[in-house]
Amino acid sequence: MDVAATTLAMAGVAIPASMDAQDMFAENYGRAYVYSSADRMSNVIDRARSVMGPRFHYIRNFMLDRPLYNWGHREVGSALWDPDGKVTSFMALRRLADAGNLEGVHAAP
């Protein structure tokens, strides 16, 4: 939400009083907590929320069938970002996983 206020400030537009947002580049900028979320990465659906304060970082994963990390968007990105067709590290890891050469959390889909 602070991105909108920062954009307005950069454009020289006053931040409306109705917005609960701050200019991230202001000298007095500060937040007690930081909130984040993830819903989609490329063609992969993911759903996670988090809040981080001075002492704790709480992460809520709503996709419990994906215990560690979702590989899908990395595979799409690897194919798009490598114009020479070279095997990237994520593609190599995926091939190791498919061959059964990874164990435990490293083998998570």
PDB file of N, CA and C in Angstrom:
ATOM      1  N   MET A   1       0.822  -1.172   0.000  1.00  0.00           N
ATOM      2  CA  MET A   1       0.000   0.000   0.000  1.00  0.00           C
ATOM      3  C   MET A   1       0.877   1.251   0.000  1.00  0.00           C
ATOM      4  N   ASP A   2       2.056   1.174   0.595  1.00  0.00           N
ATOM      5  CA  ASP A   2       2.940   2.335   0.615  1.00  0.00           C
ATOM      6  C   ASP A   2       3.510   2.654  -0.762  1.00  0.00           C
ATOM      7  N   VAL A   3       3.468   1.710  -1.673  1.00  0.00           N
ATOM      8  CA  VAL A   3       3.951   1.972  -3.033  1.00  0.00           C
ATOM      9  C   VAL A   3       3.096   3.054  -3.687  1.00  0.00           C
ATOM     10  N   ALA A   4       1.784   3.000  -3.471  1.00  0.00           N
ATOM     11  CA  ALA A   4       0.892   4.010  -4.050  1.00  0.00           C
ATOM     12  C   ALA A   4       1.214   5.396  -3.496  1.00  0.00           C
ATOM     13  N   ALA A   5       1.398   5.498  -2.190  1.00  0.00           N
ATOM     14  CA  ALA A   5       1.714   6.789  -1.582  1.00  0.00           C
ATOM     15  C   ALA A   5       3.071   7.300  -2.048  1.00  0.00           C
ATOM     16  N   THR A   6       4.030   6.418  -2.174  1.00  0.00           N
ATOM     17  CA  THR A   6       5.359   6.804  -2.647  1.00  0.00           C
ATOM     18  C   THR A   6       5.293   7.301  -4.084  1.00  0.00           C
ATOM     19  N   THR A   7       4.506   6.630  -4.915  1.00  0.00           N
ATOM     20  CA  THR A   7       4.349   7.056  -6.306  1.00  0.00           C
ATOM     21  C   THR A   7       3.712   8.435  -6.381  1.00  0.00           C
ATOM     22  N   LEU A   8       2.692   8.660  -5.580  1.00  0.00           N
ATOM     23  CA  LEU A   8       2.060   9.984  -5.548  1.00  0.00           C
ATOM     24  C   LEU A   8       3.063  11.051  -5.118  1.00  0.00           C
ATOM     25  N   ALA A   9       3.844  10.761  -4.082  1.00  0.00           N
ATOM     26  CA  ALA A   9       4.835  11.724  -3.592  1.00  0.00           C
ATOM     27  C   ALA A   9       5.887  12.015  -4.657  1.00  0.00           C
ATOM     28  N   MET A  10       6.319  10.986  -5.385  1.00  0.00           N
ATOM     29  CA  MET A  10       7.316  11.189  -6.439  1.00  0.00           C
ATOM     30  C   MET A  10       6.764  12.048  -7.574  1.00  0.00           C
ATOM     31  N   ALA A  11       5.456  11.949  -7.792  1.00  0.00           N
ATOM     32  CA  ALA A  11       4.818  12.747  -8.841  1.00  0.00           C
ATOM     33  C   ALA A  11       4.474  14.147  -8.353  1.00  0.00           C
ATOM     34  N   GLY A  12       4.725  14.419  -7.068  1.00  0.00           N
ATOM     35  CA  GLY A  12       4.436  15.736  -6.526  1.00  0.00           C
ATOM     36  C   GLY A  12       2.982  15.925  -6.143  1.00  0.00           C
ATOM     37  N   VAL A  13       2.248  14.832  -6.011  1.00  0.00           N
ATOM     38  CA  VAL A  13       0.833  14.883  -5.649  1.00  0.00           C
ATOM     39  C   VAL A  13       0.709  14.605  -4.154  1.00  0.00           C
ATOM     40  N   ALA A  14      -0.126  15.373  -3.479  1.00  0.00           N
ATOM     41  CA  ALA A  14      -0.328  15.174  -2.049  1.00  0.00           C
ATOM     42  C   ALA A  14      -1.023  13.840  -1.792  1.00  0.00           C
ATOM     43  N   ILE A  15      -0.592  13.154  -0.750  1.00  0.00           N
ATOM     44  CA  ILE A  15      -1.208  11.882  -0.376  1.00  0.00           C
ATOM     45  C   ILE A  15      -2.522  12.193   0.334  1.00  0.00           C
ATOM     46  N   PRO A  16      -3.648  11.680  -0.171  1.00  0.00           N
ATOM     47  CA  PRO A  16      -4.941  11.973   0.449  1.00  0.00           C
ATOM     48  C   PRO A  16      -4.995  11.494   1.900  1.00  0.00           C
ATOM     49  N   ALA A  17      -5.683  12.232   2.734  1.00  0.00           N
ATOM     50  CA  ALA A  17      -5.815  11.867   4.144  1.00  0.00           C
ATOM     51  C   ALA A  17      -6.568  10.550   4.311  1.00  0.00           C
ATOM     52  N   SER A  18      -7.363  10.192   3.327  1.00  0.00           N
ATOM     53  CA  SER A  18      -8.135   8.943   3.407  1.00  0.00           C
ATOM     54  C   SER A  18      -7.266   7.698   3.182  1.00  0.00           C
ATOM     55  N   MET A  19      -6.033   7.885   2.703  1.00  0.00           N
ATOM     56  CA  MET A  19      -5.129   6.749   2.476  1.00  0.00           C
ATOM     57  C   MET A  19      -4.329   6.448   3.739  1.00  0.00           C
ATOM     58  N   ASP A  20      -4.326   5.190   4.133  1.00  0.00           N
ATOM     59  CA  ASP A  20      -3.482   4.766   5.251  1.00  0.00           C
ATOM     60  C   ASP A  20      -2.160   4.280   4.671  1.00  0.00           C
ATOM     61  N   ALA A  21      -1.429   5.193   4.086  1.00  0.00           N
ATOM     62  CA  ALA A  21      -0.180   4.857   3.403  1.00  0.00           C
ATOM     63  C   ALA A  21       0.824   5.968   3.645  1.00  0.00           C
ATOM     64  N   GLN A  22       2.100   5.619   3.491  1.00  0.00           N
ATOM     65  CA  GLN A  22       3.171   6.580   3.722  1.00  0.00           C
ATOM     66  C   GLN A  22       4.151   6.564   2.559  1.00  0.00           C
ATOM     67  N   ASP A  23       4.823   7.693   2.395  1.00  0.00           N
ATOM     68  CA  ASP A  23       5.896   7.790   1.410  1.00  0.00           C
ATOM     69  C   ASP A  23       7.115   7.049   1.969  1.00  0.00           C
ATOM     70  N   MET A  24       7.558   6.018   1.265  1.00  0.00           N
ATOM     71  CA  MET A  24       8.677   5.207   1.761  1.00  0.00           C
ATOM     72  C   MET A  24       9.999   5.961   1.787  1.00  0.00           C
ATOM     73  N   PHE A  25      10.095   7.072   1.059  1.00  0.00           N
ATOM     74  CA  PHE A  25      11.334   7.839   1.027  1.00  0.00           C
ATOM     75  C   PHE A  25      11.301   9.047   1.952  1.00  0.00           C
ATOM     76  N   ALA A  26      10.231   9.205   2.709  1.00  0.00           N
ATOM     77  CA  ALA A  26      10.134  10.316   3.657  1.00  0.00           C
ATOM     78  C   ALA A  26      11.069  10.062   4.839  1.00  0.00           C
ATOM     79  N   GLU A  27      11.575  11.129   5.425  1.00  0.00           N
ATOM     80  CA  GLU A  27      12.513  10.993   6.544  1.00  0.00           C
ATOM     81  C   GLU A  27      11.875  10.327   7.757  1.00  0.00           C
ATOM     82  N   ASN A  28      10.587  10.542   7.958  1.00  0.00           N
ATOM     83  CA  ASN A  28       9.911   9.990   9.136  1.00  0.00           C
ATOM     84  C   ASN A  28       9.200   8.665   8.838  1.00  0.00           C
ATOM     85  N   TYR A  29       9.572   8.005   7.741  1.00  0.00           N
ATOM     86  CA  TYR A  29       8.906   6.750   7.369  1.00  0.00           C
ATOM     87  C   TYR A  29       9.249   5.645   8.353  1.00  0.00           C
ATOM     88  N   GLY A  30       8.250   4.892   8.732  1.00  0.00           N
ATOM     89  CA  GLY A  30       8.472   3.752   9.611  1.00  0.00           C
ATOM     90  C   GLY A  30       7.188   2.989   9.832  1.00  0.00           C
ATOM     91  N   ARG A  31       7.308   1.712   9.981  1.00  0.00           N
ATOM     92  CA  ARG A  31       6.167   0.837  10.240  1.00  0.00           C
ATOM     93  C   ARG A  31       6.518  -0.093  11.391  1.00  0.00           C
ATOM     94  N   ALA A  32       5.526  -0.398  12.222  1.00  0.00           N
ATOM     95  CA  ALA A  32       5.745  -1.344  13.314  1.00  0.00           C
ATOM     96  C   ALA A  32       5.783  -2.774  12.792  1.00  0.00           C
ATOM     97  N   TYR A  33       4.994  -3.047  11.754  1.00  0.00           N
ATOM     98  CA  TYR A  33       4.918  -4.390  11.183  1.00  0.00           C
ATOM     99  C   TYR A  33       4.954  -4.307   9.666  1.00  0.00           C
ATOM    100  N   VAL A  34       5.474  -5.356   9.050  1.00  0.00           N
ATOM    101  CA  VAL A  34       5.513  -5.453   7.589  1.00  0.00           C
ATOM    102  C   VAL A  34       4.661  -6.651   7.192  1.00  0.00           C
ATOM    103  N   TYR A  35       3.723  -6.428   6.280  1.00  0.00           N
ATOM    104  CA  TYR A  35       2.834  -7.481   5.797  1.00  0.00           C
ATOM    105  C   TYR A  35       3.216  -7.840   4.370  1.00  0.00           C
ATOM    106  N   SER A  36       3.095  -9.110   4.022  1.00  0.00           N
ATOM    107  CA  SER A  36       3.368  -9.528   2.649  1.00  0.00           C
ATOM    108  C   SER A  36       2.440 -10.670   2.267  1.00  0.00           C
ATOM    109  N   SER A  37       2.347 -10.883   0.964  1.00  0.00           N
ATOM    110  CA  SER A  37       1.516 -11.980   0.471  1.00  0.00           C
ATOM    111  C   SER A  37       2.072 -12.489  -0.841  1.00  0.00           C
ATOM    112  N   ALA A  38       1.723 -13.717  -1.162  1.00  0.00           N
ATOM    113  CA  ALA A  38       2.060 -14.312  -2.453  1.00  0.00           C
ATOM    114  C   ALA A  38       0.842 -15.092  -2.914  1.00  0.00           C
ATOM    115  N   ASP A  39       0.422 -14.850  -4.140  1.00  0.00           N
ATOM    116  CA  ASP A  39      -0.734 -15.555  -4.679  1.00  0.00           C
ATOM    117  C   ASP A  39      -0.421 -16.270  -5.980  1.00  0.00           C
ATOM    118  N   ARG A  40       0.264 -15.606  -6.870  1.00  0.00           N
ATOM    119  CA  ARG A  40       0.602 -16.205  -8.156  1.00  0.00           C
ATOM    120  C   ARG A  40       2.014 -15.786  -8.535  1.00  0.00           C
ATOM    121  N   MET A  41       2.728 -16.738  -9.107  1.00  0.00           N
ATOM    122  CA  MET A  41       4.030 -16.447  -9.673  1.00  0.00           C
ATOM    123  C   MET A  41       4.033 -17.073 -11.050  1.00  0.00           C
ATOM    124  N   SER A  42       3.954 -16.249 -12.072  1.00  0.00           N
ATOM    125  CA  SER A  42       3.851 -16.715 -13.445  1.00  0.00           C
ATOM    126  C   SER A  42       2.579 -17.533 -13.598  1.00  0.00           C
ATOM    127  N   ASN A  43       2.676 -18.765 -13.995  1.00  0.00           N
ATOM    128  CA  ASN A  43       1.495 -19.599 -14.195  1.00  0.00           C
ATOM    129  C   ASN A  43       1.187 -20.483 -12.987  1.00  0.00           C
ATOM    130  N   VAL A  44       1.863 -20.265 -11.882  1.00  0.00           N
ATOM    131  CA  VAL A  44       1.746 -21.131 -10.713  1.00  0.00           C
ATOM    132  C   VAL A  44       0.921 -20.441  -9.631  1.00  0.00           C
ATOM    133  N   ILE A  45      -0.064 -21.162  -9.117  1.00  0.00           N
ATOM    134  CA  ILE A  45      -0.889 -20.623  -8.041  1.00  0.00           C
ATOM    135  C   ILE A  45      -0.246 -20.987  -6.711  1.00  0.00           C
ATOM    136  N   ASP A  46      -0.080 -19.996  -5.870  1.00  0.00           N
ATOM    137  CA  ASP A  46       0.471 -20.177  -4.538  1.00  0.00           C
ATOM    138  C   ASP A  46      -0.311 -19.242  -3.627  1.00  0.00           C
ATOM    139  N   ARG A  47      -0.410 -19.554  -2.356  1.00  0.00           N
ATOM    140  CA  ARG A  47      -1.131 -18.665  -1.457  1.00  0.00           C
ATOM    141  C   ARG A  47      -0.452 -18.678  -0.100  1.00  0.00           C
ATOM    142  N   ALA A  48       0.172 -17.557   0.235  1.00  0.00           N
ATOM    143  CA  ALA A  48       0.855 -17.425   1.519  1.00  0.00           C
ATOM    144  C   ALA A  48       0.725 -15.988   1.999  1.00  0.00           C
ATOM    145  N   ARG A  49       0.700 -15.825   3.298  1.00  0.00           N
ATOM    146  CA  ARG A  49       0.651 -14.501   3.918  1.00  0.00           C
ATOM    147  C   ARG A  49       1.702 -14.464   5.019  1.00  0.00           C
ATOM    148  N   SER A  50       2.204 -13.261   5.308  1.00  0.00           N
ATOM    149  CA  SER A  50       3.154 -13.153   6.410  1.00  0.00           C
ATOM    150  C   SER A  50       3.072 -11.779   7.048  1.00  0.00           C
ATOM    151  N   VAL A  51       3.485 -11.723   8.291  1.00  0.00           N
ATOM    152  CA  VAL A  51       3.630 -10.463   9.012  1.00  0.00           C
ATOM    153  C   VAL A  51       4.929 -10.564   9.807  1.00  0.00           C
ATOM    154  N   MET A  52       5.713  -9.482   9.761  1.00  0.00           N
ATOM    155  CA  MET A  52       7.003  -9.471  10.438  1.00  0.00           C
ATOM    156  C   MET A  52       7.085  -8.247  11.339  1.00  0.00           C
ATOM    157  N   GLY A  53       7.449  -8.489  12.579  1.00  0.00           N
ATOM    158  CA  GLY A  53       7.633  -7.419  13.546  1.00  0.00           C
ATOM    159  C   GLY A  53       9.050  -7.447  14.085  1.00  0.00           C
ATOM    160  N   PRO A  54       9.304  -6.705  15.146  1.00  0.00           N
ATOM    161  CA  PRO A  54      10.661  -6.639  15.687  1.00  0.00           C
ATOM    162  C   PRO A  54      11.187  -7.978  16.214  1.00  0.00           C
ATOM    163  N   ARG A  55      10.284  -8.848  16.707  1.00  0.00           N
ATOM    164  CA  ARG A  55      10.734 -10.106  17.311  1.00  0.00           C
ATOM    165  C   ARG A  55      10.383 -11.354  16.525  1.00  0.00           C
ATOM    166  N   PHE A  56       9.299 -11.327  15.772  1.00  0.00           N
ATOM    167  CA  PHE A  56       8.822 -12.551  15.137  1.00  0.00           C
ATOM    168  C   PHE A  56       8.484 -12.331  13.672  1.00  0.00           C
ATOM    169  N   HIS A  57       8.514 -13.429  12.920  1.00  0.00           N
ATOM    170  CA  HIS A  57       8.077 -13.438  11.518  1.00  0.00           C
ATOM    171  C   HIS A  57       7.113 -14.608  11.379  1.00  0.00           C
ATOM    172  N   TYR A  58       5.814 -14.297  11.242  1.00  0.00           N
ATOM    173  CA  TYR A  58       4.784 -15.326  11.120  1.00  0.00           C
ATOM    174  C   TYR A  58       4.478 -15.534   9.647  1.00  0.00           C
ATOM    175  N   ILE A  59       4.515 -16.786   9.195  1.00  0.00           N
ATOM    176  CA  ILE A  59       4.200 -17.121   7.810  1.00  0.00           C
ATOM    177  C   ILE A  59       3.052 -18.119   7.819  1.00  0.00           C
ATOM    178  N   ARG A  60       2.009 -17.826   7.058  1.00  0.00           N
ATOM    179  CA  ARG A  60       0.863 -18.734   6.918  1.00  0.00           C
ATOM    180  C   ARG A  60       0.841 -19.247   5.491  1.00  0.00           C
ATOM    181  N   ASN A  61       1.040 -20.547   5.335  1.00  0.00           N
ATOM    182  CA  ASN A  61       1.000 -21.184   4.028  1.00  0.00           C
ATOM    183  C   ASN A  61      -0.356 -21.858   3.880  1.00  0.00           C
ATOM    184  N   PHE A  62      -1.145 -21.428   2.890  1.00  0.00           N
ATOM    185  CA  PHE A  62      -2.465 -21.999   2.667  1.00  0.00           C
ATOM    186  C   PHE A  62      -2.424 -23.201   1.725  1.00  0.00           C
ATOM    187  N   MET A  63      -1.294 -23.446   1.082  1.00  0.00           N
ATOM    188  CA  MET A  63      -1.163 -24.544   0.126  1.00  0.00           C
ATOM    189  C   MET A  63      -0.344 -25.658   0.781  1.00  0.00           C
ATOM    190  N   LEU A  64      -0.954 -26.381   1.687  1.00  0.00           N
ATOM    191  CA  LEU A  64      -0.226 -27.365   2.483  1.00  0.00           C
ATOM    192  C   LEU A  64       0.234 -28.571   1.680  1.00  0.00           C
ATOM    193  N   ASP A  65      -0.276 -28.734   0.471  1.00  0.00           N
ATOM    194  CA  ASP A  65       0.196 -29.828  -0.371  1.00  0.00           C
ATOM    195  C   ASP A  65       1.534 -29.503  -1.014  1.00  0.00           C
ATOM    196  N   ARG A  66       2.014 -28.281  -0.820  1.00  0.00           N
ATOM    197  CA  ARG A  66       3.317 -27.856  -1.343  1.00  0.00           C
ATOM    198  C   ARG A  66       4.187 -27.480  -0.151  1.00  0.00           C
ATOM    199  N   PRO A  67       4.894 -28.445   0.423  1.00  0.00           N
ATOM    200  CA  PRO A  67       5.530 -28.237   1.716  1.00  0.00           C
ATOM    201  C   PRO A  67       6.686 -27.248   1.753  1.00  0.00           C
ATOM    202  N   LEU A  68       7.413 -27.100   0.674  1.00  0.00           N
ATOM    203  CA  LEU A  68       8.594 -26.250   0.764  1.00  0.00           C
ATOM    204  C   LEU A  68       8.593 -25.145  -0.274  1.00  0.00           C
ATOM    205  N   TYR A  69       8.527 -25.511  -1.521  1.00  0.00           N
ATOM    206  CA  TYR A  69       8.715 -24.518  -2.575  1.00  0.00           C
ATOM    207  C   TYR A  69       8.054 -25.006  -3.846  1.00  0.00           C
ATOM    208  N   ASN A  70       7.424 -24.116  -4.557  1.00  0.00           N
ATOM    209  CA  ASN A  70       6.767 -24.477  -5.800  1.00  0.00           C
ATOM    210  C   ASN A  70       7.712 -24.186  -6.960  1.00  0.00           C
ATOM    211  N   TRP A  71       8.065 -25.197  -7.709  1.00  0.00           N
ATOM    212  CA  TRP A  71       9.068 -25.087  -8.764  1.00  0.00           C
ATOM    213  C   TRP A  71       8.536 -24.452 -10.044  1.00  0.00           C
ATOM    214  N   GLY A  72       7.246 -24.504 -10.265  1.00  0.00           N
ATOM    215  CA  GLY A  72       6.670 -24.184 -11.565  1.00  0.00           C
ATOM    216  C   GLY A  72       7.109 -22.882 -12.190  1.00  0.00           C
ATOM    217  N   HIS A  73       7.053 -21.785 -11.449  1.00  0.00           N
ATOM    218  CA  HIS A  73       7.405 -20.496 -12.049  1.00  0.00           C
ATOM    219  C   HIS A  73       8.893 -20.422 -12.382  1.00  0.00           C
ATOM    220  N   ARG A  74       9.731 -21.171 -11.680  1.00  0.00           N
ATOM    221  CA  ARG A  74      11.158 -21.188 -11.995  1.00  0.00           C
ATOM    222  C   ARG A  74      11.414 -21.892 -13.325  1.00  0.00           C
ATOM    223  N   GLU A  75      10.650 -22.948 -13.583  1.00  0.00           N
ATOM    224  CA  GLU A  75      10.821 -23.658 -14.848  1.00  0.00           C
ATOM    225  C   GLU A  75      10.435 -22.773 -16.021  1.00  0.00           C
ATOM    226  N   VAL A  76       9.328 -22.057 -15.891  1.00  0.00           N
ATOM    227  CA  VAL A  76       8.908 -21.146 -16.957  1.00  0.00           C
ATOM    228  C   VAL A  76       9.945 -20.047 -17.125  1.00  0.00           C
ATOM    229  N   GLY A  77      10.401 -19.465 -16.000  1.00  0.00           N
ATOM    230  CA  GLY A  77      11.400 -18.405 -16.069  1.00  0.00           C
ATOM    231  C   GLY A  77      12.703 -18.880 -16.662  1.00  0.00           C
ATOM    232  N   SER A  78      13.120 -20.089 -16.305  1.00  0.00           N
ATOM    233  CA  SER A  78      14.371 -20.625 -16.835  1.00  0.00           C
ATOM    234  C   SER A  78      14.306 -20.757 -18.343  1.00  0.00           C
ATOM    235  N   ALA A  79      13.170 -21.223 -18.842  1.00  0.00           N
ATOM    236  CA  ALA A  79      13.024 -21.388 -20.290  1.00  0.00           C
ATOM    237  C   ALA A  79      13.022 -20.038 -20.997  1.00  0.00           C
ATOM    238  N   LEU A  80      12.429 -19.043 -20.363  1.00  0.00           N
ATOM    239  CA  LEU A  80      12.338 -17.729 -20.997  1.00  0.00           C
ATOM    240  C   LEU A  80      13.632 -16.932 -20.892  1.00  0.00           C
ATOM    241  N   TRP A  81      14.362 -17.090 -19.791  1.00  0.00           N
ATOM    242  CA  TRP A  81      15.531 -16.252 -19.552  1.00  0.00           C
ATOM    243  C   TRP A  81      16.818 -16.820 -20.114  1.00  0.00           C
ATOM    244  N   ASP A  82      16.795 -17.991 -20.693  1.00  0.00           N
ATOM    245  CA  ASP A  82      18.014 -18.600 -21.205  1.00  0.00           C
ATOM    246  C   ASP A  82      17.905 -18.780 -22.717  1.00  0.00           C
ATOM    247  N   PRO A  83      18.246 -17.733 -23.488  1.00  0.00           N
ATOM    248  CA  PRO A  83      18.059 -17.798 -24.943  1.00  0.00           C
ATOM    249  C   PRO A  83      18.947 -18.826 -25.631  1.00  0.00           C
ATOM    250  N   ASP A  84      20.045 -19.253 -24.994  1.00  0.00           N
ATOM    251  CA  ASP A  84      20.948 -20.227 -25.614  1.00  0.00           C
ATOM    252  C   ASP A  84      20.519 -21.668 -25.371  1.00  0.00           C
ATOM    253  N   GLY A  85      19.467 -21.864 -24.582  1.00  0.00           N
ATOM    254  CA  GLY A  85      18.992 -23.213 -24.309  1.00  0.00           C
ATOM    255  C   GLY A  85      19.850 -23.984 -23.329  1.00  0.00           C
ATOM    256  N   LYS A  86      20.709 -23.296 -22.581  1.00  0.00           N
ATOM    257  CA  LYS A  86      21.556 -23.971 -21.594  1.00  0.00           C
ATOM    258  C   LYS A  86      20.704 -24.429 -20.412  1.00  0.00           C
ATOM    259  N   VAL A  87      21.164 -25.460 -19.738  1.00  0.00           N
ATOM    260  CA  VAL A  87      20.454 -25.960 -18.566  1.00  0.00           C
ATOM    261  C   VAL A  87      20.779 -25.054 -17.383  1.00  0.00           C
ATOM    262  N   THR A  88      19.757 -24.471 -16.772  1.00  0.00           N
ATOM    263  CA  THR A  88      19.966 -23.614 -15.608  1.00  0.00           C
ATOM    264  C   THR A  88      19.945 -24.460 -14.342  1.00  0.00           C
ATOM    265  N   SER A  89      20.316 -23.864 -13.227  1.00  0.00           N
ATOM    266  CA  SER A  89      20.392 -24.615 -11.974  1.00  0.00           C
ATOM    267  C   SER A  89      19.032 -25.169 -11.561  1.00  0.00           C
ATOM    268  N   PHE A  90      17.952 -24.402 -11.781  1.00  0.00           N
ATOM    269  CA  PHE A  90      16.632 -24.891 -11.391  1.00  0.00           C
ATOM    270  C   PHE A  90      16.187 -26.048 -12.273  1.00  0.00           C
ATOM    271  N   MET A  91      16.516 -25.981 -13.551  1.00  0.00           N
ATOM    272  CA  MET A  91      16.181 -27.089 -14.442  1.00  0.00           C
ATOM    273  C   MET A  91      16.977 -28.332 -14.054  1.00  0.00           C
ATOM    274  N   ALA A  92      18.235 -28.149 -13.678  1.00  0.00           N
ATOM    275  CA  ALA A  92      19.072 -29.284 -13.268  1.00  0.00           C
ATOM    276  C   ALA A  92      18.528 -29.917 -11.990  1.00  0.00           C
ATOM    277  N   LEU A  93      18.106 -29.089 -11.019  1.00  0.00           N
ATOM    278  CA  LEU A  93      17.522 -29.617  -9.790  1.00  0.00           C
ATOM    279  C   LEU A  93      16.237 -30.384 -10.075  1.00  0.00           C
ATOM    280  N   ARG A  94      15.433 -29.855 -10.981  1.00  0.00           N
ATOM    281  CA  ARG A  94      14.180 -30.530 -11.319  1.00  0.00           C
ATOM    282  C   ARG A  94      14.458 -31.894 -11.956  1.00  0.00           C
ATOM    283  N   ARG A  95      15.457 -31.960 -12.801  1.00  0.00           N
ATOM    284  CA  ARG A  95      15.812 -33.243 -13.424  1.00  0.00           C
ATOM    285  C   ARG A  95      16.312 -34.243 -12.381  1.00  0.00           C
ATOM    286  N   LEU A  96      17.096 -33.763 -11.404  1.00  0.00           N
ATOM    287  CA  LEU A  96      17.549 -34.639 -10.318  1.00  0.00           C
ATOM    288  C   LEU A  96      16.362 -35.156  -9.507  1.00  0.00           C
ATOM    289  N   ALA A  97      15.395 -34.272  -9.244  1.00  0.00           N
ATOM    290  CA  ALA A  97      14.206 -34.679  -8.494  1.00  0.00           C
ATOM    291  C   ALA A  97      13.396 -35.706  -9.269  1.00  0.00           C
ATOM    292  N   ASP A  98      13.209 -35.466 -10.556  1.00  0.00           N
ATOM    293  CA  ASP A  98      12.447 -36.401 -11.390  1.00  0.00           C
ATOM    294  C   ASP A  98      13.126 -37.768 -11.472  1.00  0.00           C
ATOM    295  N   ALA A  99      14.445 -37.785 -11.403  1.00  0.00           N
ATOM    296  CA  ALA A  99      15.196 -39.043 -11.469  1.00  0.00           C
ATOM    297  C   ALA A  99      15.275 -39.744 -10.111  1.00  0.00           C
ATOM    298  N   GLY A 100      14.737 -39.089  -9.057  1.00  0.00           N
ATOM    299  CA  GLY A 100      14.767 -39.686  -7.727  1.00  0.00           C
ATOM    300  C   GLY A 100      16.094 -39.541  -7.018  1.00  0.00           C
ATOM    301  N   ASN A 101      16.906 -38.586  -7.425  1.00  0.00           N
ATOM    302  CA  ASN A 101      18.229 -38.405  -6.835  1.00  0.00           C
ATOM    303  C   ASN A 101      18.277 -37.358  -5.728  1.00  0.00           C
ATOM    304  N   LEU A 102      17.124 -36.854  -5.296  1.00  0.00           N
ATOM    305  CA  LEU A 102      17.066 -35.914  -4.184  1.00  0.00           C
ATOM    306  C   LEU A 102      16.271 -36.552  -3.055  1.00  0.00           C
ATOM    307  N   GLU A 103      16.563 -36.147  -1.813  1.00  0.00           N
ATOM    308  CA  GLU A 103      15.886 -36.724  -0.659  1.00  0.00           C
ATOM    309  C   GLU A 103      15.284 -35.635   0.213  1.00  0.00           C
ATOM    310  N   GLY A 104      14.310 -36.018   1.032  1.00  0.00           N
ATOM    311  CA  GLY A 104      13.722 -35.128   2.022  1.00  0.00           C
ATOM    312  C   GLY A 104      13.101 -33.887   1.418  1.00  0.00           C
ATOM    313  N   VAL A 105      13.339 -32.756   2.082  1.00  0.00           N
ATOM    314  CA  VAL A 105      12.730 -31.512   1.616  1.00  0.00           C
ATOM    315  C   VAL A 105      13.253 -31.091   0.255  1.00  0.00           C
ATOM    316  N   HIS A 106      14.424 -31.553  -0.124  1.00  0.00           N
ATOM    317  CA  HIS A 106      14.984 -31.202  -1.426  1.00  0.00           C
ATOM    318  C   HIS A 106      14.197 -31.836  -2.561  1.00  0.00           C
ATOM    319  N   ALA A 107      13.488 -32.906  -2.268  1.00  0.00           N
ATOM    320  CA  ALA A 107      12.713 -33.606  -3.286  1.00  0.00           C
ATOM    321  C   ALA A 107      11.279 -33.096  -3.366  1.00  0.00           C
ATOM    322  N   ALA A 108      10.923 -32.091  -2.560  1.00  0.00           N
ATOM    323  CA  ALA A 108       9.549 -31.573  -2.563  1.00  0.00           C
ATOM    324  C   ALA A 108       9.213 -30.976  -3.918  1.00  0.00           C
ATOM    325  N   PRO A 109       8.022 -31.284  -4.429  1.00  0.00           N
ATOM    326  CA  PRO A 109       7.639 -30.749  -5.747  1.00  0.00           C
ATOM    327  C   PRO A 109       7.391 -29.261  -5.716  1.00  0.00           C
TER     328      PRO A 109
END
